[in-house]
Amino acid sequence: MRLMIDAEHCQFQPAIDHAVLQLQRTHNTRFPAVFGTYQAYLVECLPKLTLDLERARREGWHMGAKLVRGAYMVHERARAQSLGLPDPIHPTANDTHKAYDGAIDKLLVSCPQPHMTSLMVATHNQQSIEHAAQRLAPGGGATVPRERVAFGQLLGMADHLTFTLAAHGFKAYKYVPYGPVGEVLPYLIRRAQENSDALSGAPQQCAMMLREVRRRLVGM
């Protein structure tokens, strides 16, 4: 079993990080039982990830990381402005994309103990998924074994990416939100805001499904 602890607002995250660190020190001695979540839209993501990788190496426990883009951009910027704090979010979407792919490289290529590092690539962004898959291909530069890397997308979103990953032998998972409607709907709205790539790809998915229906009906 693996326990992946999600990230939250910046004002709560230090307490969550402290709890995750203590759990990892206790339970990640033989395998990565506990994963922490890293939000690539935060400016602090890569320095924080680098620090935790080195701490895991120094203390001798398995590093488990779930990599997401982030879901509280509006809240974080409004809070920072109201308190007179620096914006914690990368200024542009492209900066976040670069940070996400940079974190993939940090985890797969240049981590200090690849045999004790595991990664969940949680994204609907096709370019980032292809970037990780290319790193894991022969000659792609990854030092972390392929079996220690998994990919995850929400149920009903980016199925063409999940199925393609599975067809190529990657560990691919569908994430199923479960709970009261009043709690699940706001969660899904945040995920939709975070994963606009999944929504923008809807026409492409519809076109692929129509082609498949046509192929099954008329054989072409």
N, C-alpha and C. Protein backbone atom coordinates (compact mmCIF):
# COMPACT_ATOMS: atom_id res chain seq x y z
N MET A 1 0.84 -1.19 0.00
CA MET A 1 0.00 0.00 0.00
C MET A 1 0.88 1.25 0.00
N ARG A 2 0.38 2.28 -0.68
CA ARG A 2 1.04 3.59 -0.70
C ARG A 2 0.05 4.64 -0.20
N LEU A 3 0.51 5.54 0.64
CA LEU A 3 -0.31 6.64 1.13
C LEU A 3 0.23 7.93 0.53
N MET A 4 -0.58 8.61 -0.28
CA MET A 4 -0.18 9.86 -0.92
C MET A 4 -0.95 11.00 -0.26
N ILE A 5 -0.23 11.87 0.41
CA ILE A 5 -0.84 12.95 1.18
C ILE A 5 -0.85 14.22 0.32
N ASP A 6 -2.05 14.72 0.03
CA ASP A 6 -2.19 15.87 -0.86
C ASP A 6 -1.66 17.15 -0.23
N ALA A 7 -1.38 18.13 -1.11
CA ALA A 7 -0.94 19.45 -0.67
C ALA A 7 -2.15 20.35 -0.45
N GLU A 8 -1.93 21.43 0.30
CA GLU A 8 -3.01 22.37 0.63
C GLU A 8 -2.53 23.81 0.44
N HIS A 9 -3.30 24.76 1.00
CA HIS A 9 -2.91 26.17 0.94
C HIS A 9 -1.56 26.37 1.62
N CYS A 10 -0.87 27.42 1.21
CA CYS A 10 0.48 27.69 1.73
C CYS A 10 0.50 27.85 3.25
N GLN A 11 -0.59 28.42 3.83
CA GLN A 11 -0.57 28.65 5.28
C GLN A 11 -0.68 27.34 6.06
N PHE A 12 -1.19 26.29 5.42
CA PHE A 12 -1.30 24.99 6.08
C PHE A 12 -0.13 24.06 5.76
N GLN A 13 0.54 24.32 4.63
CA GLN A 13 1.49 23.34 4.10
C GLN A 13 2.68 23.04 5.01
N PRO A 14 3.25 24.01 5.74
CA PRO A 14 4.37 23.66 6.62
C PRO A 14 4.01 22.59 7.64
N ALA A 15 2.80 22.66 8.21
CA ALA A 15 2.38 21.63 9.18
C ALA A 15 2.22 20.28 8.50
N ILE A 16 1.65 20.29 7.27
CA ILE A 16 1.48 19.04 6.52
C ILE A 16 2.85 18.46 6.17
N ASP A 17 3.77 19.32 5.71
CA ASP A 17 5.12 18.84 5.37
C ASP A 17 5.81 18.22 6.58
N HIS A 18 5.63 18.83 7.74
CA HIS A 18 6.25 18.29 8.95
C HIS A 18 5.69 16.91 9.28
N ALA A 19 4.36 16.76 9.16
CA ALA A 19 3.74 15.46 9.43
C ALA A 19 4.21 14.41 8.42
N VAL A 20 4.27 14.80 7.14
CA VAL A 20 4.71 13.87 6.09
C VAL A 20 6.15 13.43 6.36
N LEU A 21 7.01 14.37 6.71
CA LEU A 21 8.40 14.05 6.97
C LEU A 21 8.53 13.04 8.11
N GLN A 22 7.80 13.24 9.17
CA GLN A 22 7.87 12.31 10.29
C GLN A 22 7.35 10.92 9.89
N LEU A 23 6.29 10.88 9.08
CA LEU A 23 5.76 9.60 8.61
C LEU A 23 6.76 8.90 7.69
N GLN A 24 7.41 9.67 6.82
CA GLN A 24 8.40 9.07 5.92
C GLN A 24 9.59 8.52 6.69
N ARG A 25 10.05 9.27 7.67
CA ARG A 25 11.17 8.78 8.49
C ARG A 25 10.83 7.48 9.20
N THR A 26 9.57 7.34 9.58
CA THR A 26 9.15 6.16 10.33
C THR A 26 8.82 4.98 9.43
N HIS A 27 8.13 5.24 8.32
CA HIS A 27 7.54 4.15 7.53
C HIS A 27 8.20 3.90 6.18
N ASN A 28 9.13 4.76 5.75
CA ASN A 28 9.76 4.58 4.44
C ASN A 28 11.14 3.94 4.54
N THR A 29 11.37 3.15 5.55
CA THR A 29 12.68 2.54 5.73
C THR A 29 12.90 1.35 4.79
N ARG A 30 11.82 0.63 4.45
CA ARG A 30 11.96 -0.54 3.58
C ARG A 30 11.43 -0.29 2.16
N PHE A 31 10.42 0.55 2.02
CA PHE A 31 9.86 0.90 0.72
C PHE A 31 9.11 2.23 0.88
N PRO A 32 8.78 2.91 -0.22
CA PRO A 32 8.14 4.23 -0.11
C PRO A 32 6.66 4.11 0.22
N ALA A 33 6.34 3.96 1.49
CA ALA A 33 4.95 3.80 1.90
C ALA A 33 4.20 5.13 1.90
N VAL A 34 4.91 6.23 2.17
CA VAL A 34 4.29 7.55 2.28
C VAL A 34 4.89 8.48 1.22
N PHE A 35 3.99 9.12 0.46
CA PHE A 35 4.40 10.08 -0.57
C PHE A 35 3.97 11.48 -0.15
N GLY A 36 4.86 12.45 -0.32
CA GLY A 36 4.50 13.85 -0.17
C GLY A 36 4.14 14.43 -1.53
N THR A 37 3.36 15.50 -1.53
CA THR A 37 2.94 16.13 -2.79
C THR A 37 3.67 17.46 -2.98
N TYR A 38 4.15 17.66 -4.21
CA TYR A 38 4.89 18.87 -4.57
C TYR A 38 4.11 19.61 -5.66
N GLN A 39 3.83 20.89 -5.41
CA GLN A 39 3.05 21.70 -6.33
C GLN A 39 3.97 22.56 -7.19
N ALA A 40 4.03 22.23 -8.48
CA ALA A 40 5.01 22.87 -9.35
C ALA A 40 4.69 24.33 -9.65
N TYR A 41 3.46 24.77 -9.38
CA TYR A 41 3.19 26.19 -9.65
C TYR A 41 3.75 27.10 -8.57
N LEU A 42 4.24 26.53 -7.47
CA LEU A 42 4.87 27.33 -6.43
C LEU A 42 6.34 27.58 -6.76
N VAL A 43 6.79 28.79 -6.55
CA VAL A 43 8.18 29.15 -6.81
C VAL A 43 9.12 28.29 -5.97
N GLU A 44 8.69 27.90 -4.78
CA GLU A 44 9.55 27.14 -3.86
C GLU A 44 9.62 25.65 -4.19
N CYS A 45 8.90 25.19 -5.21
CA CYS A 45 8.78 23.74 -5.44
C CYS A 45 10.13 23.06 -5.64
N LEU A 46 10.92 23.55 -6.59
CA LEU A 46 12.18 22.86 -6.91
C LEU A 46 13.19 22.92 -5.76
N PRO A 47 13.38 24.08 -5.13
CA PRO A 47 14.29 24.09 -3.96
C PRO A 47 13.82 23.16 -2.85
N LYS A 48 12.52 23.13 -2.61
CA LYS A 48 11.97 22.26 -1.56
C LYS A 48 12.18 20.79 -1.92
N LEU A 49 11.95 20.44 -3.19
CA LEU A 49 12.15 19.07 -3.64
C LEU A 49 13.61 18.66 -3.52
N THR A 50 14.51 19.55 -3.91
CA THR A 50 15.95 19.28 -3.82
C THR A 50 16.36 19.02 -2.37
N LEU A 51 15.85 19.84 -1.47
CA LEU A 51 16.16 19.68 -0.05
C LEU A 51 15.67 18.34 0.48
N ASP A 52 14.44 17.97 0.13
CA ASP A 52 13.87 16.71 0.63
C ASP A 52 14.59 15.49 0.06
N LEU A 53 15.01 15.57 -1.20
CA LEU A 53 15.76 14.46 -1.79
C LEU A 53 17.08 14.25 -1.06
N GLU A 54 17.76 15.34 -0.76
CA GLU A 54 19.03 15.24 -0.05
C GLU A 54 18.81 14.76 1.38
N ARG A 55 17.73 15.21 2.02
CA ARG A 55 17.45 14.77 3.38
C ARG A 55 17.16 13.27 3.41
N ALA A 56 16.42 12.76 2.43
CA ALA A 56 16.14 11.33 2.36
C ALA A 56 17.44 10.54 2.19
N ARG A 57 18.33 11.05 1.34
CA ARG A 57 19.61 10.37 1.14
C ARG A 57 20.42 10.35 2.44
N ARG A 58 20.49 11.51 3.09
CA ARG A 58 21.31 11.64 4.28
C ARG A 58 20.78 10.76 5.43
N GLU A 59 19.45 10.68 5.53
CA GLU A 59 18.86 9.94 6.64
C GLU A 59 18.54 8.48 6.27
N GLY A 60 18.65 8.13 4.99
CA GLY A 60 18.56 6.73 4.59
C GLY A 60 17.16 6.16 4.44
N TRP A 61 16.17 7.00 4.06
CA TRP A 61 14.83 6.46 3.83
C TRP A 61 14.41 6.68 2.38
N HIS A 62 13.40 5.93 1.97
CA HIS A 62 12.91 6.00 0.59
C HIS A 62 12.13 7.30 0.36
N MET A 63 12.42 7.94 -0.76
CA MET A 63 11.73 9.17 -1.15
C MET A 63 10.51 8.82 -2.01
N GLY A 64 9.34 9.26 -1.59
CA GLY A 64 8.12 9.11 -2.38
C GLY A 64 7.56 10.48 -2.70
N ALA A 65 7.41 10.82 -3.98
CA ALA A 65 6.96 12.14 -4.39
C ALA A 65 5.81 12.04 -5.38
N LYS A 66 4.75 12.78 -5.10
CA LYS A 66 3.65 12.96 -6.05
C LYS A 66 3.77 14.37 -6.60
N LEU A 67 3.85 14.50 -7.91
CA LEU A 67 4.09 15.79 -8.54
C LEU A 67 2.82 16.29 -9.23
N VAL A 68 2.32 17.46 -8.79
CA VAL A 68 1.14 18.08 -9.39
C VAL A 68 1.50 19.51 -9.81
N ARG A 69 0.58 20.16 -10.49
CA ARG A 69 0.80 21.56 -10.83
C ARG A 69 0.32 22.48 -9.71
N GLY A 70 -0.87 22.29 -9.19
CA GLY A 70 -1.38 23.11 -8.10
C GLY A 70 -2.78 23.59 -8.38
N ALA A 71 -3.56 23.80 -7.31
CA ALA A 71 -4.99 24.06 -7.49
C ALA A 71 -5.52 25.28 -6.76
N TYR A 72 -4.65 26.10 -6.17
CA TYR A 72 -5.14 27.21 -5.34
C TYR A 72 -4.56 28.54 -5.79
N MET A 73 -4.39 28.71 -7.09
CA MET A 73 -3.70 29.89 -7.61
C MET A 73 -4.42 31.19 -7.22
N VAL A 74 -5.74 31.24 -7.42
CA VAL A 74 -6.49 32.45 -7.11
C VAL A 74 -6.40 32.77 -5.62
N HIS A 75 -6.61 31.75 -4.79
CA HIS A 75 -6.56 31.95 -3.34
C HIS A 75 -5.17 32.41 -2.89
N GLU A 76 -4.13 31.76 -3.40
CA GLU A 76 -2.77 32.07 -2.95
C GLU A 76 -2.38 33.50 -3.34
N ARG A 77 -2.73 33.92 -4.54
CA ARG A 77 -2.35 35.26 -4.97
C ARG A 77 -3.13 36.33 -4.20
N ALA A 78 -4.42 36.07 -3.96
CA ALA A 78 -5.22 37.03 -3.21
C ALA A 78 -4.71 37.15 -1.77
N ARG A 79 -4.36 36.03 -1.17
CA ARG A 79 -3.85 36.06 0.21
C ARG A 79 -2.52 36.78 0.28
N ALA A 80 -1.62 36.48 -0.66
CA ALA A 80 -0.31 37.15 -0.67
C ALA A 80 -0.46 38.66 -0.83
N GLN A 81 -1.37 39.08 -1.71
CA GLN A 81 -1.58 40.50 -1.93
C GLN A 81 -2.15 41.17 -0.68
N SER A 82 -3.10 40.51 -0.02
CA SER A 82 -3.73 41.10 1.16
C SER A 82 -2.75 41.24 2.32
N LEU A 83 -1.75 40.34 2.38
CA LEU A 83 -0.78 40.37 3.47
C LEU A 83 0.52 41.09 3.10
N GLY A 84 0.59 41.58 1.86
CA GLY A 84 1.80 42.25 1.41
C GLY A 84 2.97 41.31 1.22
N LEU A 85 2.69 40.06 0.87
CA LEU A 85 3.74 39.06 0.70
C LEU A 85 4.06 38.88 -0.79
N PRO A 86 5.24 38.38 -1.13
CA PRO A 86 5.55 38.08 -2.53
C PRO A 86 4.61 37.02 -3.08
N ASP A 87 4.30 37.13 -4.36
CA ASP A 87 3.44 36.13 -5.01
C ASP A 87 4.15 34.78 -4.98
N PRO A 88 3.53 33.73 -4.37
CA PRO A 88 4.21 32.44 -4.29
C PRO A 88 4.10 31.61 -5.57
N ILE A 89 3.30 32.09 -6.53
CA ILE A 89 3.02 31.33 -7.75
C ILE A 89 3.91 31.83 -8.89
N HIS A 90 4.33 30.93 -9.76
CA HIS A 90 5.07 31.34 -10.95
C HIS A 90 4.24 32.33 -11.76
N PRO A 91 4.88 33.32 -12.37
CA PRO A 91 4.13 34.40 -13.04
C PRO A 91 3.32 33.96 -14.26
N THR A 92 3.75 32.91 -14.97
CA THR A 92 3.03 32.48 -16.17
C THR A 92 2.83 30.97 -16.16
N ALA A 93 1.89 30.53 -16.99
CA ALA A 93 1.65 29.09 -17.13
C ALA A 93 2.88 28.38 -17.69
N ASN A 94 3.58 29.03 -18.62
CA ASN A 94 4.78 28.42 -19.19
C ASN A 94 5.86 28.22 -18.13
N ASP A 95 5.94 29.16 -17.20
CA ASP A 95 6.91 29.00 -16.11
C ASP A 95 6.55 27.78 -15.25
N THR A 96 5.26 27.57 -15.03
CA THR A 96 4.83 26.39 -14.28
C THR A 96 5.13 25.11 -15.04
N HIS A 97 4.89 25.12 -16.36
CA HIS A 97 5.20 23.94 -17.17
C HIS A 97 6.70 23.62 -17.09
N LYS A 98 7.53 24.64 -17.18
CA LYS A 98 8.99 24.44 -17.09
C LYS A 98 9.36 23.89 -15.72
N ALA A 99 8.72 24.42 -14.67
CA ALA A 99 9.02 23.96 -13.32
C ALA A 99 8.60 22.51 -13.14
N TYR A 100 7.47 22.14 -13.71
CA TYR A 100 7.00 20.75 -13.60
C TYR A 100 7.98 19.80 -14.28
N ASP A 101 8.35 20.12 -15.51
CA ASP A 101 9.29 19.25 -16.23
C ASP A 101 10.66 19.26 -15.58
N GLY A 102 11.04 20.41 -14.99
CA GLY A 102 12.30 20.46 -14.25
C GLY A 102 12.28 19.56 -13.03
N ALA A 103 11.13 19.50 -12.36
CA ALA A 103 11.00 18.62 -11.20
C ALA A 103 11.05 17.15 -11.62
N ILE A 104 10.48 16.84 -12.78
CA ILE A 104 10.59 15.48 -13.32
C ILE A 104 12.05 15.11 -13.52
N ASP A 105 12.81 16.04 -14.11
CA ASP A 105 14.24 15.77 -14.34
C ASP A 105 14.99 15.63 -13.02
N LYS A 106 14.65 16.47 -12.06
CA LYS A 106 15.31 16.38 -10.75
C LYS A 106 15.07 15.02 -10.12
N LEU A 107 13.87 14.51 -10.24
CA LEU A 107 13.51 13.23 -9.61
C LEU A 107 14.02 12.03 -10.40
N LEU A 108 13.96 12.09 -11.72
CA LEU A 108 14.30 10.91 -12.52
C LEU A 108 15.76 10.86 -12.95
N VAL A 109 16.38 12.01 -13.13
CA VAL A 109 17.72 12.03 -13.72
C VAL A 109 18.80 12.33 -12.69
N SER A 110 18.56 13.32 -11.83
CA SER A 110 19.65 13.79 -10.96
C SER A 110 19.37 13.62 -9.48
N CYS A 111 18.45 12.73 -9.10
CA CYS A 111 18.22 12.52 -7.68
C CYS A 111 19.41 11.76 -7.07
N PRO A 112 19.71 11.97 -5.80
CA PRO A 112 20.92 11.40 -5.20
C PRO A 112 20.84 9.91 -4.91
N GLN A 113 19.66 9.31 -4.84
CA GLN A 113 19.56 7.87 -4.58
C GLN A 113 18.42 7.28 -5.44
N PRO A 114 18.70 7.05 -6.73
CA PRO A 114 17.65 6.60 -7.66
C PRO A 114 17.02 5.28 -7.28
N HIS A 115 17.77 4.38 -6.64
CA HIS A 115 17.21 3.08 -6.26
C HIS A 115 16.24 3.19 -5.09
N MET A 116 16.17 4.37 -4.46
CA MET A 116 15.26 4.58 -3.32
C MET A 116 14.36 5.79 -3.55
N THR A 117 14.05 6.06 -4.83
CA THR A 117 13.19 7.18 -5.19
C THR A 117 12.03 6.69 -6.04
N SER A 118 10.81 7.11 -5.69
CA SER A 118 9.61 6.74 -6.44
C SER A 118 8.81 8.00 -6.75
N LEU A 119 8.14 8.00 -7.91
CA LEU A 119 7.45 9.19 -8.38
C LEU A 119 6.07 8.85 -8.93
N MET A 120 5.07 9.64 -8.56
CA MET A 120 3.76 9.63 -9.19
C MET A 120 3.63 10.90 -10.01
N VAL A 121 3.57 10.76 -11.34
CA VAL A 121 3.40 11.89 -12.24
C VAL A 121 1.90 12.13 -12.38
N ALA A 122 1.36 13.04 -11.60
CA ALA A 122 -0.08 13.29 -11.57
C ALA A 122 -0.39 14.52 -12.41
N THR A 123 -0.74 14.31 -13.66
CA THR A 123 -1.00 15.44 -14.56
C THR A 123 -1.82 14.98 -15.75
N HIS A 124 -2.53 15.94 -16.36
CA HIS A 124 -3.24 15.70 -17.62
C HIS A 124 -2.53 16.38 -18.78
N ASN A 125 -1.39 16.97 -18.51
CA ASN A 125 -0.65 17.69 -19.54
C ASN A 125 0.14 16.71 -20.40
N GLN A 126 -0.22 16.63 -21.66
CA GLN A 126 0.38 15.63 -22.55
C GLN A 126 1.88 15.85 -22.71
N GLN A 127 2.31 17.12 -22.79
CA GLN A 127 3.74 17.38 -22.99
C GLN A 127 4.56 16.90 -21.79
N SER A 128 4.05 17.11 -20.59
CA SER A 128 4.78 16.65 -19.40
C SER A 128 4.82 15.13 -19.32
N ILE A 129 3.72 14.49 -19.70
CA ILE A 129 3.68 13.03 -19.71
C ILE A 129 4.68 12.49 -20.72
N GLU A 130 4.71 13.09 -21.91
CA GLU A 130 5.67 12.65 -22.93
C GLU A 130 7.10 12.90 -22.48
N HIS A 131 7.31 14.01 -21.78
CA HIS A 131 8.66 14.32 -21.27
C HIS A 131 9.12 13.24 -20.29
N ALA A 132 8.24 12.85 -19.37
CA ALA A 132 8.61 11.80 -18.41
C ALA A 132 8.83 10.46 -19.11
N ALA A 133 7.95 10.13 -20.06
CA ALA A 133 8.08 8.86 -20.78
C ALA A 133 9.38 8.82 -21.58
N GLN A 134 9.76 9.94 -22.18
CA GLN A 134 11.01 9.99 -22.93
C GLN A 134 12.21 9.82 -22.01
N ARG A 135 12.14 10.41 -20.82
CA ARG A 135 13.23 10.23 -19.85
C ARG A 135 13.38 8.76 -19.47
N LEU A 136 12.25 8.06 -19.38
CA LEU A 136 12.27 6.66 -18.95
C LEU A 136 12.61 5.69 -20.09
N ALA A 137 12.61 6.18 -21.33
CA ALA A 137 12.96 5.33 -22.47
C ALA A 137 14.46 5.03 -22.44
N PRO A 138 14.89 3.95 -23.10
CA PRO A 138 16.33 3.65 -23.17
C PRO A 138 17.10 4.84 -23.74
N GLY A 139 18.13 5.25 -23.03
CA GLY A 139 18.92 6.40 -23.45
C GLY A 139 18.32 7.74 -23.08
N GLY A 140 17.20 7.72 -22.34
CA GLY A 140 16.53 8.97 -21.99
C GLY A 140 17.13 9.70 -20.80
N GLY A 141 18.05 9.05 -20.11
CA GLY A 141 18.74 9.72 -19.03
C GLY A 141 18.25 9.39 -17.63
N ALA A 142 17.10 8.73 -17.51
CA ALA A 142 16.57 8.43 -16.18
C ALA A 142 17.46 7.41 -15.47
N THR A 143 17.75 7.68 -14.20
CA THR A 143 18.47 6.72 -13.37
C THR A 143 17.53 5.96 -12.44
N VAL A 144 16.33 6.52 -12.24
CA VAL A 144 15.31 5.83 -11.44
C VAL A 144 14.69 4.72 -12.29
N PRO A 145 14.57 3.50 -11.76
CA PRO A 145 13.98 2.41 -12.54
C PRO A 145 12.55 2.72 -12.95
N ARG A 146 12.20 2.27 -14.13
CA ARG A 146 10.86 2.54 -14.68
C ARG A 146 9.75 2.03 -13.78
N GLU A 147 9.98 0.92 -13.12
CA GLU A 147 8.94 0.34 -12.26
C GLU A 147 8.66 1.19 -11.02
N ARG A 148 9.51 2.17 -10.74
CA ARG A 148 9.30 3.05 -9.59
C ARG A 148 8.54 4.32 -9.97
N VAL A 149 8.08 4.40 -11.21
CA VAL A 149 7.37 5.59 -11.69
C VAL A 149 5.97 5.20 -12.12
N ALA A 150 4.98 6.01 -11.71
CA ALA A 150 3.59 5.79 -12.10
C ALA A 150 2.99 7.09 -12.61
N PHE A 151 1.90 6.97 -13.35
CA PHE A 151 1.18 8.12 -13.89
C PHE A 151 -0.26 8.06 -13.42
N GLY A 152 -0.86 9.23 -13.19
CA GLY A 152 -2.24 9.25 -12.72
C GLY A 152 -3.04 10.39 -13.31
N GLN A 153 -4.29 10.09 -13.71
CA GLN A 153 -5.23 11.09 -14.19
C GLN A 153 -6.60 10.84 -13.56
N LEU A 154 -7.41 11.89 -13.50
CA LEU A 154 -8.75 11.76 -12.95
C LEU A 154 -9.62 10.87 -13.82
N LEU A 155 -10.49 10.11 -13.19
CA LEU A 155 -11.45 9.31 -13.93
C LEU A 155 -12.32 10.21 -14.80
N GLY A 156 -12.39 9.88 -16.09
CA GLY A 156 -13.19 10.68 -17.02
C GLY A 156 -12.42 11.78 -17.70
N MET A 157 -11.15 12.00 -17.31
CA MET A 157 -10.32 13.02 -17.95
C MET A 157 -9.09 12.37 -18.57
N ALA A 158 -8.76 12.81 -19.78
CA ALA A 158 -7.52 12.39 -20.46
C ALA A 158 -7.38 10.88 -20.54
N ASP A 159 -8.50 10.19 -20.81
CA ASP A 159 -8.44 8.72 -20.91
C ASP A 159 -7.49 8.28 -22.02
N HIS A 160 -7.40 9.07 -23.10
CA HIS A 160 -6.50 8.67 -24.19
C HIS A 160 -5.05 8.65 -23.74
N LEU A 161 -4.70 9.50 -22.77
CA LEU A 161 -3.34 9.48 -22.23
C LEU A 161 -3.13 8.28 -21.31
N THR A 162 -4.10 8.03 -20.43
CA THR A 162 -3.99 6.91 -19.49
C THR A 162 -3.89 5.59 -20.24
N PHE A 163 -4.77 5.40 -21.22
CA PHE A 163 -4.79 4.13 -21.95
C PHE A 163 -3.51 3.93 -22.76
N THR A 164 -3.01 5.02 -23.35
CA THR A 164 -1.76 4.93 -24.12
C THR A 164 -0.59 4.56 -23.22
N LEU A 165 -0.53 5.17 -22.04
CA LEU A 165 0.54 4.84 -21.08
C LEU A 165 0.46 3.36 -20.70
N ALA A 166 -0.73 2.89 -20.40
CA ALA A 166 -0.90 1.48 -20.02
C ALA A 166 -0.51 0.55 -21.16
N ALA A 167 -0.89 0.93 -22.38
CA ALA A 167 -0.57 0.10 -23.55
C ALA A 167 0.92 -0.01 -23.77
N HIS A 168 1.69 0.97 -23.31
CA HIS A 168 3.14 0.95 -23.46
C HIS A 168 3.84 0.43 -22.20
N GLY A 169 3.08 -0.17 -21.32
CA GLY A 169 3.68 -0.86 -20.18
C GLY A 169 3.97 0.00 -18.97
N PHE A 170 3.49 1.24 -18.96
CA PHE A 170 3.69 2.09 -17.78
C PHE A 170 2.60 1.80 -16.74
N LYS A 171 2.91 2.09 -15.49
CA LYS A 171 1.90 2.02 -14.44
C LYS A 171 1.00 3.24 -14.57
N ALA A 172 -0.25 3.03 -14.94
CA ALA A 172 -1.18 4.13 -15.18
C ALA A 172 -2.43 3.92 -14.33
N TYR A 173 -2.83 4.96 -13.62
CA TYR A 173 -3.95 4.87 -12.67
C TYR A 173 -5.00 5.92 -12.98
N LYS A 174 -6.26 5.58 -12.70
CA LYS A 174 -7.35 6.55 -12.74
C LYS A 174 -7.72 6.89 -11.30
N TYR A 175 -7.77 8.18 -11.02
CA TYR A 175 -8.01 8.69 -9.68
C TYR A 175 -9.51 8.95 -9.52
N VAL A 176 -10.12 8.34 -8.50
CA VAL A 176 -11.57 8.40 -8.31
C VAL A 176 -11.90 9.22 -7.06
N PRO A 177 -12.36 10.47 -7.21
CA PRO A 177 -12.80 11.24 -6.04
C PRO A 177 -14.08 10.62 -5.46
N TYR A 178 -14.15 10.56 -4.15
CA TYR A 178 -15.29 9.93 -3.50
C TYR A 178 -15.66 10.73 -2.26
N GLY A 179 -16.95 10.99 -2.08
CA GLY A 179 -17.39 11.71 -0.88
C GLY A 179 -18.71 12.41 -1.11
N PRO A 180 -19.18 13.18 -0.12
CA PRO A 180 -20.43 13.92 -0.27
C PRO A 180 -20.37 14.90 -1.45
N VAL A 181 -21.49 15.07 -2.14
CA VAL A 181 -21.52 15.93 -3.33
C VAL A 181 -21.03 17.34 -3.00
N GLY A 182 -21.42 17.87 -1.84
CA GLY A 182 -21.03 19.22 -1.47
C GLY A 182 -19.54 19.40 -1.30
N GLU A 183 -18.82 18.30 -1.04
CA GLU A 183 -17.37 18.36 -0.91
C GLU A 183 -16.66 17.99 -2.20
N VAL A 184 -17.25 17.06 -2.95
CA VAL A 184 -16.59 16.58 -4.17
C VAL A 184 -16.67 17.61 -5.28
N LEU A 185 -17.80 18.31 -5.43
CA LEU A 185 -17.94 19.27 -6.52
C LEU A 185 -16.94 20.42 -6.43
N PRO A 186 -16.77 21.08 -5.28
CA PRO A 186 -15.73 22.11 -5.21
C PRO A 186 -14.34 21.55 -5.52
N TYR A 187 -14.09 20.32 -5.07
CA TYR A 187 -12.81 19.68 -5.36
C TYR A 187 -12.63 19.53 -6.87
N LEU A 188 -13.67 19.04 -7.57
CA LEU A 188 -13.57 18.83 -9.01
C LEU A 188 -13.43 20.16 -9.75
N ILE A 189 -14.07 21.21 -9.24
CA ILE A 189 -13.92 22.53 -9.86
C ILE A 189 -12.47 23.00 -9.77
N ARG A 190 -11.85 22.78 -8.61
CA ARG A 190 -10.43 23.15 -8.47
C ARG A 190 -9.57 22.32 -9.41
N ARG A 191 -9.87 21.02 -9.53
CA ARG A 191 -9.09 20.18 -10.43
C ARG A 191 -9.26 20.64 -11.88
N ALA A 192 -10.48 21.04 -12.24
CA ALA A 192 -10.71 21.51 -13.61
C ALA A 192 -9.93 22.79 -13.87
N GLN A 193 -9.88 23.68 -12.87
CA GLN A 193 -9.12 24.92 -13.01
C GLN A 193 -7.63 24.63 -13.13
N GLU A 194 -7.17 23.70 -12.32
CA GLU A 194 -5.76 23.31 -12.34
C GLU A 194 -5.40 22.63 -13.65
N ASN A 195 -6.32 21.78 -14.14
CA ASN A 195 -6.02 20.94 -15.30
C ASN A 195 -6.79 21.41 -16.52
N SER A 196 -6.64 22.70 -16.85
CA SER A 196 -7.33 23.22 -18.03
C SER A 196 -6.91 22.48 -19.29
N ASP A 197 -5.70 21.88 -19.27
CA ASP A 197 -5.25 21.10 -20.43
C ASP A 197 -6.21 19.94 -20.71
N ALA A 198 -6.75 19.36 -19.64
CA ALA A 198 -7.67 18.23 -19.82
C ALA A 198 -8.95 18.69 -20.50
N LEU A 199 -9.43 19.88 -20.13
CA LEU A 199 -10.66 20.39 -20.72
C LEU A 199 -10.43 20.85 -22.15
N SER A 200 -9.29 21.50 -22.39
CA SER A 200 -9.01 21.97 -23.74
C SER A 200 -8.81 20.81 -24.71
N GLY A 201 -8.50 19.63 -24.17
CA GLY A 201 -8.32 18.46 -25.03
C GLY A 201 -9.60 17.71 -25.29
N ALA A 202 -10.74 18.20 -24.76
CA ALA A 202 -12.01 17.49 -24.94
C ALA A 202 -12.38 17.32 -26.41
N PRO A 203 -12.27 18.37 -27.26
CA PRO A 203 -12.58 18.15 -28.69
C PRO A 203 -11.74 17.06 -29.32
N GLN A 204 -10.45 17.01 -28.94
CA GLN A 204 -9.59 15.97 -29.49
C GLN A 204 -10.06 14.59 -29.07
N GLN A 205 -10.46 14.44 -27.79
CA GLN A 205 -10.96 13.16 -27.31
C GLN A 205 -12.25 12.78 -28.01
N CYS A 206 -13.14 13.75 -28.21
CA CYS A 206 -14.40 13.46 -28.92
C CYS A 206 -14.12 12.98 -30.34
N ALA A 207 -13.18 13.65 -31.01
CA ALA A 207 -12.84 13.25 -32.38
C ALA A 207 -12.28 11.83 -32.41
N MET A 208 -11.45 11.47 -31.43
CA MET A 208 -10.89 10.12 -31.38
C MET A 208 -11.98 9.08 -31.13
N MET A 209 -12.94 9.42 -30.24
CA MET A 209 -14.02 8.48 -29.97
C MET A 209 -14.90 8.28 -31.20
N LEU A 210 -15.17 9.37 -31.93
CA LEU A 210 -15.97 9.25 -33.15
C LEU A 210 -15.26 8.40 -34.20
N ARG A 211 -13.94 8.56 -34.32
CA ARG A 211 -13.19 7.74 -35.26
C ARG A 211 -13.27 6.27 -34.88
N GLU A 212 -13.21 5.99 -33.58
CA GLU A 212 -13.28 4.60 -33.13
C GLU A 212 -14.67 4.01 -33.37
N VAL A 213 -15.71 4.80 -33.15
CA VAL A 213 -17.07 4.33 -33.44
C VAL A 213 -17.21 4.02 -34.93
N ARG A 214 -16.69 4.93 -35.76
CA ARG A 214 -16.75 4.71 -37.20
C ARG A 214 -16.00 3.44 -37.60
N ARG A 215 -14.82 3.24 -36.98
CA ARG A 215 -14.03 2.05 -37.31
C ARG A 215 -14.79 0.77 -36.96
N ARG A 216 -15.46 0.79 -35.81
CA ARG A 216 -16.18 -0.41 -35.39
C ARG A 216 -17.42 -0.68 -36.23
N LEU A 217 -18.05 0.42 -36.71
CA LEU A 217 -19.28 0.25 -37.47
C LEU A 217 -19.02 -0.12 -38.94
N VAL A 218 -18.05 0.56 -39.54
CA VAL A 218 -17.86 0.38 -40.99
C VAL A 218 -16.46 -0.15 -41.32
N GLY A 219 -15.63 -0.33 -40.32
CA GLY A 219 -14.31 -0.91 -40.56
C GLY A 219 -13.31 0.02 -41.17
N MET A 220 -13.51 1.35 -41.02
CA MET A 220 -12.56 2.30 -41.60
C MET A 220 -12.63 3.61 -40.84
